[in-house]
């Protein structure tokens, strides 16, 4: 009897870790000045997104999902869209990355079972019949871009008085923690405010925003994380950037500074313990 209950519990744990959304199709709708990339799954998706630079790209993490009959890399080659890659972020999350040749105008939405990335693209040139047909060389397989490695050594370098630029605010959820990455062009001075309930405010001093899309909010509420939402704002006057980290419950992050990176680690919320009452 004990072995049977153990097998049932083991099977239940496996089912709990099996993603319910299977991603099986990638569709392209190419209009004159718009390109729609549709990532189609078996059920309506939930996701978070972040904009990165060097190279410009948008990262979309689809939760409770697994990669089905889709390739790891698609060479789109529709300027400014260069490629679309898929990788496993964790056991139940698929990370889709769209890489651009320059900063584009785009939006990420959902409809039915699709995640839709709509990008303003360059209008195709009408081919000249007199031009000879040129055969394009086979595309090179690109490298999959992942989160940057963070050195473990403590950074003791001083902060310069020069103005820095904020280039990236990113979020990564793992089993044991949720990590927020803040990247500037050089080591930055900062202050941390935890006085307000369910809110951590990070103030970056002598800092400007490099691009307007850096201030796009990050909705992380779909993850089983204490972090619910991240909002980045730049003051109209002066050189101050504020990053508001909205939480589900009061929590203090572990802060690390490594060169141009500021890292805020939030521990995973403790699992709720339920005591079973024996049946009478």
Protein backbone atom coordinates (compact mmCIF):
# COMPACT_ATOMS: atom_id res chain seq x y z
CA UNK A 1 0.00 0.00 0.00
CA UNK A 2 2.83 2.39 0.87
CA UNK A 3 4.59 1.69 -2.44
CA UNK A 4 1.36 2.32 -4.35
CA UNK A 5 0.81 5.68 -2.63
CA UNK A 6 4.41 6.62 -3.35
CA UNK A 7 3.96 5.85 -7.06
CA UNK A 8 0.78 7.91 -7.15
CA UNK A 9 2.54 10.86 -5.52
CA UNK A 10 5.46 10.53 -7.93
CA UNK A 11 3.12 10.45 -10.94
CA UNK A 12 1.26 13.47 -9.59
CA UNK A 13 4.51 15.41 -9.24
CA UNK A 14 5.43 14.60 -12.85
CA UNK A 15 2.03 15.72 -14.10
CA UNK A 16 2.34 18.96 -12.09
CA UNK A 17 5.62 19.72 -13.87
CA UNK A 18 4.31 18.90 -17.36
CA UNK A 19 3.51 22.13 -19.26
CA UNK A 20 -0.01 22.27 -20.68
CA UNK A 21 0.73 24.60 -23.62
CA UNK A 22 2.54 22.85 -26.49
CA UNK A 23 4.06 25.28 -29.03
CA UNK A 24 3.76 23.61 -32.44
CA UNK A 25 3.63 26.32 -35.14
CA UNK A 26 5.37 29.54 -36.18
CA UNK A 27 3.48 31.57 -38.79
CA UNK A 28 4.59 34.70 -40.69
CA UNK A 29 2.13 37.25 -42.10
CA UNK A 30 4.21 39.53 -44.34
CA UNK A 31 2.45 42.71 -45.41
CA UNK A 32 3.94 45.71 -47.16
CA UNK A 33 5.20 47.47 -44.04
CA UNK A 34 4.26 45.06 -41.25
CA UNK A 35 5.44 41.61 -40.31
CA UNK A 36 3.45 39.49 -37.88
CA UNK A 37 5.16 36.56 -36.23
CA UNK A 38 2.64 34.18 -34.67
CA UNK A 39 3.75 31.59 -32.14
CA UNK A 40 0.87 29.15 -31.92
CA UNK A 41 0.27 26.82 -29.01
CA UNK A 42 -2.34 24.35 -27.90
CA UNK A 43 -4.03 26.79 -25.51
CA UNK A 44 -4.13 30.55 -24.72
CA UNK A 45 -0.64 31.67 -23.63
CA UNK A 46 0.65 33.67 -20.68
CA UNK A 47 3.96 35.48 -21.08
CA UNK A 48 6.28 38.27 -20.00
CA UNK A 49 8.53 40.33 -22.25
CA UNK A 50 11.67 42.45 -21.98
CA UNK A 51 13.61 44.58 -24.45
CA UNK A 52 17.38 44.13 -24.68
CA UNK A 53 20.20 45.81 -26.59
CA UNK A 54 23.51 44.85 -28.19
CA UNK A 55 22.00 43.50 -30.40
CA UNK A 56 18.46 44.92 -30.24
CA UNK A 57 15.98 42.16 -29.39
CA UNK A 58 12.80 41.35 -27.55
CA UNK A 59 12.68 38.37 -25.21
CA UNK A 60 9.31 36.70 -24.59
CA UNK A 61 9.04 34.07 -21.87
CA UNK A 62 5.96 31.87 -22.29
CA UNK A 63 5.03 30.17 -19.03
CA UNK A 64 3.51 26.70 -18.59
CA UNK A 65 4.76 25.88 -22.11
CA UNK A 66 6.99 23.42 -23.95
CA UNK A 67 8.48 23.49 -27.44
CA UNK A 68 6.71 21.02 -29.71
CA UNK A 69 7.13 20.70 -33.50
CA UNK A 70 9.01 23.97 -33.97
CA UNK A 71 12.67 24.56 -34.75
CA UNK A 72 15.15 26.13 -32.34
CA UNK A 73 16.21 28.81 -34.86
CA UNK A 74 14.34 30.60 -37.68
CA UNK A 75 16.25 32.91 -40.03
CA UNK A 76 13.52 35.46 -40.83
CA UNK A 77 15.72 37.96 -42.71
CA UNK A 78 13.01 40.59 -43.13
CA UNK A 79 14.68 43.90 -42.11
CA UNK A 80 14.80 44.87 -39.34
CA UNK A 81 13.85 41.34 -38.18
CA UNK A 82 16.84 39.01 -38.41
CA UNK A 83 15.96 35.81 -36.60
CA UNK A 84 13.69 34.06 -34.12
CA UNK A 85 15.10 31.57 -31.61
CA UNK A 86 13.56 29.30 -29.01
CA UNK A 87 15.15 27.84 -25.91
CA UNK A 88 14.12 26.30 -22.63
CA UNK A 89 14.23 28.87 -19.82
CA UNK A 90 13.25 26.32 -17.17
CA UNK A 91 11.15 23.17 -16.83
CA UNK A 92 7.89 24.95 -17.69
CA UNK A 93 8.97 28.09 -19.57
CA UNK A 94 9.95 28.62 -23.22
CA UNK A 95 12.02 31.69 -24.09
CA UNK A 96 11.43 33.13 -27.58
CA UNK A 97 13.91 35.79 -28.76
CA UNK A 98 13.37 38.02 -31.80
CA UNK A 99 16.62 39.71 -32.85
CA UNK A 100 16.66 42.91 -34.91
CA UNK A 101 19.26 44.70 -37.03
CA UNK A 102 18.19 48.03 -35.50
CA UNK A 103 15.73 49.36 -32.92
CA UNK A 104 12.25 48.78 -34.41
CA UNK A 105 8.69 49.68 -33.58
CA UNK A 106 6.88 46.58 -32.45
CA UNK A 107 4.15 45.23 -30.20
CA UNK A 108 3.53 41.89 -28.50
CA UNK A 109 -0.07 40.75 -28.03
CA UNK A 110 -2.10 37.56 -27.79
CA UNK A 111 -5.12 36.28 -29.68
CA UNK A 112 -6.72 32.89 -29.05
CA UNK A 113 -3.72 30.48 -28.80
CA UNK A 114 -1.20 32.82 -30.47
CA UNK A 115 1.53 35.10 -29.19
CA UNK A 116 1.75 37.78 -31.91
CA UNK A 117 4.83 39.96 -32.46
CA UNK A 118 3.99 42.74 -34.94
CA UNK A 119 6.98 44.67 -36.31
CA UNK A 120 7.14 47.65 -38.64
CA UNK A 121 9.40 46.46 -41.46
CA UNK A 122 11.00 48.02 -44.50
CA UNK A 123 8.90 48.05 -47.64
CA UNK A 124 10.04 45.45 -50.12
CA UNK A 125 11.63 46.75 -53.29
CA UNK A 126 9.96 45.86 -56.57
CA UNK A 127 12.43 43.65 -58.48
CA UNK A 128 13.81 44.93 -61.77
CA UNK A 129 13.20 42.35 -64.55
CA UNK A 130 16.51 43.31 -66.13
CA UNK A 131 18.50 42.35 -63.04
CA UNK A 132 20.08 38.88 -63.09
CA UNK A 133 18.77 36.38 -60.56
CA UNK A 134 21.18 36.09 -57.67
CA UNK A 135 21.30 33.02 -55.50
CA UNK A 136 21.62 33.89 -51.82
CA UNK A 137 24.26 32.02 -49.82
CA UNK A 138 22.96 29.61 -47.18
CA UNK A 139 22.32 31.41 -43.87
CA UNK A 140 24.75 30.93 -41.05
CA UNK A 141 23.38 29.31 -37.92
CA UNK A 142 23.29 32.04 -35.27
CA UNK A 143 24.29 31.61 -31.69
CA UNK A 144 21.49 31.51 -29.15
CA UNK A 145 21.72 34.53 -26.86
CA UNK A 146 21.23 33.86 -23.16
CA UNK A 147 21.43 35.90 -19.99
CA UNK A 148 24.94 37.31 -19.43
CA UNK A 149 27.22 35.58 -16.93
CA UNK A 150 27.63 37.54 -13.70
CA UNK A 151 31.03 37.26 -11.96
CA UNK A 152 31.00 36.12 -8.34
CA UNK A 153 33.79 38.40 -7.10
CA UNK A 154 32.80 41.48 -5.10
CA UNK A 155 33.10 44.77 -7.02
CA UNK A 156 35.06 47.37 -5.02
CA UNK A 157 35.73 49.81 -7.88
CA UNK A 158 34.65 53.42 -7.24
CA UNK A 159 31.67 55.06 -8.99
CA UNK A 160 32.70 57.83 -11.40
CA UNK A 161 30.99 61.23 -11.58
CA UNK A 162 30.25 60.82 -15.29
CA UNK A 163 26.65 60.44 -16.47
CA UNK A 164 25.64 56.82 -17.08
CA UNK A 165 22.97 55.46 -19.37
CA UNK A 166 20.49 52.75 -18.47
CA UNK A 167 20.48 50.19 -21.31
CA UNK A 168 18.50 47.24 -19.91
CA UNK A 169 16.10 46.15 -17.20
CA UNK A 170 15.48 42.39 -17.32
CA UNK A 171 13.79 39.68 -15.28
CA UNK A 172 14.66 35.99 -14.90
CA UNK A 173 12.69 33.50 -12.84
CA UNK A 174 14.29 30.30 -11.57
CA UNK A 175 13.19 27.61 -9.13
CA UNK A 176 14.77 29.14 -6.02
CA UNK A 177 14.75 32.86 -6.82
CA UNK A 178 13.61 35.69 -9.06
CA UNK A 179 16.40 37.89 -10.41
CA UNK A 180 16.15 41.44 -11.76
CA UNK A 181 19.03 42.66 -13.92
CA UNK A 182 19.80 46.37 -14.30
CA UNK A 183 22.54 47.26 -16.75
CA UNK A 184 24.15 50.68 -17.22
CA UNK A 185 27.07 51.87 -19.32
CA UNK A 186 29.29 52.03 -16.22
CA UNK A 187 29.12 51.27 -12.52
CA UNK A 188 26.32 53.37 -11.06
CA UNK A 189 25.49 54.86 -7.68
CA UNK A 190 22.13 53.79 -6.30
CA UNK A 191 19.85 53.87 -3.27
CA UNK A 192 17.22 51.38 -2.12
CA UNK A 193 13.87 52.31 -0.62
CA UNK A 194 11.80 49.68 1.22
CA UNK A 195 9.60 51.92 3.37
CA UNK A 196 6.39 51.36 1.39
CA UNK A 197 4.41 48.15 1.68
CA UNK A 198 4.96 45.59 -1.09
CA UNK A 199 7.27 47.96 -2.96
CA UNK A 200 11.03 48.26 -3.45
CA UNK A 201 12.22 51.49 -5.10
CA UNK A 202 15.66 51.62 -6.71
CA UNK A 203 17.04 55.08 -7.51
CA UNK A 204 19.91 55.29 -10.00
CA UNK A 205 21.93 58.47 -9.61
CA UNK A 206 23.55 60.44 -12.44
CA UNK A 207 21.77 58.21 -14.94
CA UNK A 208 19.74 58.77 -18.09
CA UNK A 209 17.72 56.30 -20.15
CA UNK A 210 19.55 55.17 -23.28
CA UNK A 211 16.37 54.43 -25.27
CA UNK A 212 12.70 54.96 -24.64
CA UNK A 213 11.87 51.23 -24.86
CA UNK A 214 14.01 50.60 -21.77
CA UNK A 215 11.20 52.16 -19.73
CA UNK A 216 8.60 49.61 -20.86
CA UNK A 217 7.09 47.94 -17.82
CA UNK A 218 7.62 44.24 -17.17
CA UNK A 219 4.53 42.27 -16.11
CA UNK A 220 5.86 39.28 -14.15
CA UNK A 221 2.56 38.37 -12.50
CA UNK A 222 2.30 35.14 -14.52
CA UNK A 223 5.31 33.66 -12.71
CA UNK A 224 5.13 32.05 -9.25
CA UNK A 225 7.34 34.84 -7.97
CA UNK A 226 7.09 37.46 -5.25
CA UNK A 227 7.83 40.05 -8.00
CA UNK A 228 4.59 41.17 -9.64
CA UNK A 229 5.55 44.14 -11.86
CA UNK A 230 8.61 46.29 -12.68
CA UNK A 231 8.22 49.93 -13.72
CA UNK A 232 11.09 52.17 -14.88
CA UNK A 233 10.75 55.95 -14.97
CA UNK A 234 13.14 58.78 -15.82
CA UNK A 235 12.74 62.26 -14.34
CA UNK A 236 12.18 65.09 -16.77
CA UNK A 237 14.77 67.22 -15.02
CA UNK A 238 18.10 66.04 -13.74
CA UNK A 239 19.73 62.68 -14.18
CA UNK A 240 17.79 60.26 -12.00
CA UNK A 241 16.06 57.00 -12.96
CA UNK A 242 13.64 55.22 -10.61
CA UNK A 243 12.84 51.50 -10.85
CA UNK A 244 9.73 50.48 -8.90
CA UNK A 245 9.55 46.75 -8.07
CA UNK A 246 5.99 45.85 -7.07
CA UNK A 247 5.68 42.74 -4.90
CA UNK A 248 2.97 40.31 -3.88
CA UNK A 249 4.25 40.43 -0.30
CA UNK A 250 6.84 42.39 1.63
CA UNK A 251 10.32 41.11 0.77
CA UNK A 252 13.86 42.45 0.83
CA UNK A 253 16.19 41.63 -2.08
CA UNK A 254 19.79 40.52 -1.92
CA UNK A 255 21.66 43.18 -3.91
CA UNK A 256 24.84 42.53 -5.88
CA UNK A 257 26.83 45.01 -7.94
CA UNK A 258 29.24 43.68 -10.57
CA UNK A 259 30.64 46.39 -12.82
CA UNK A 260 27.85 47.75 -15.01
CA UNK A 261 25.32 45.27 -13.56
CA UNK A 262 23.03 45.69 -10.56
CA UNK A 263 21.36 42.42 -9.53
CA UNK A 264 18.38 42.11 -7.20
CA UNK A 265 17.63 38.56 -6.03
CA UNK A 266 14.29 37.76 -4.38
CA UNK A 267 13.92 34.37 -2.71
CA UNK A 268 11.10 32.15 -3.92
CA UNK A 269 8.02 32.36 -1.66
CA UNK A 270 7.73 29.55 0.84
CA UNK A 271 5.29 26.83 -0.12
CA UNK A 272 2.09 26.87 1.88
CA UNK A 273 1.81 23.91 4.25
CA UNK A 274 -1.62 22.35 4.56
CA UNK A 275 -2.38 19.93 7.36
CA UNK A 276 -4.76 17.16 6.41
CA UNK A 277 -7.56 16.33 8.83
CA UNK A 278 -8.24 12.60 9.13
CA UNK A 279 -11.66 11.54 7.94
CA UNK A 280 -14.12 10.42 10.59
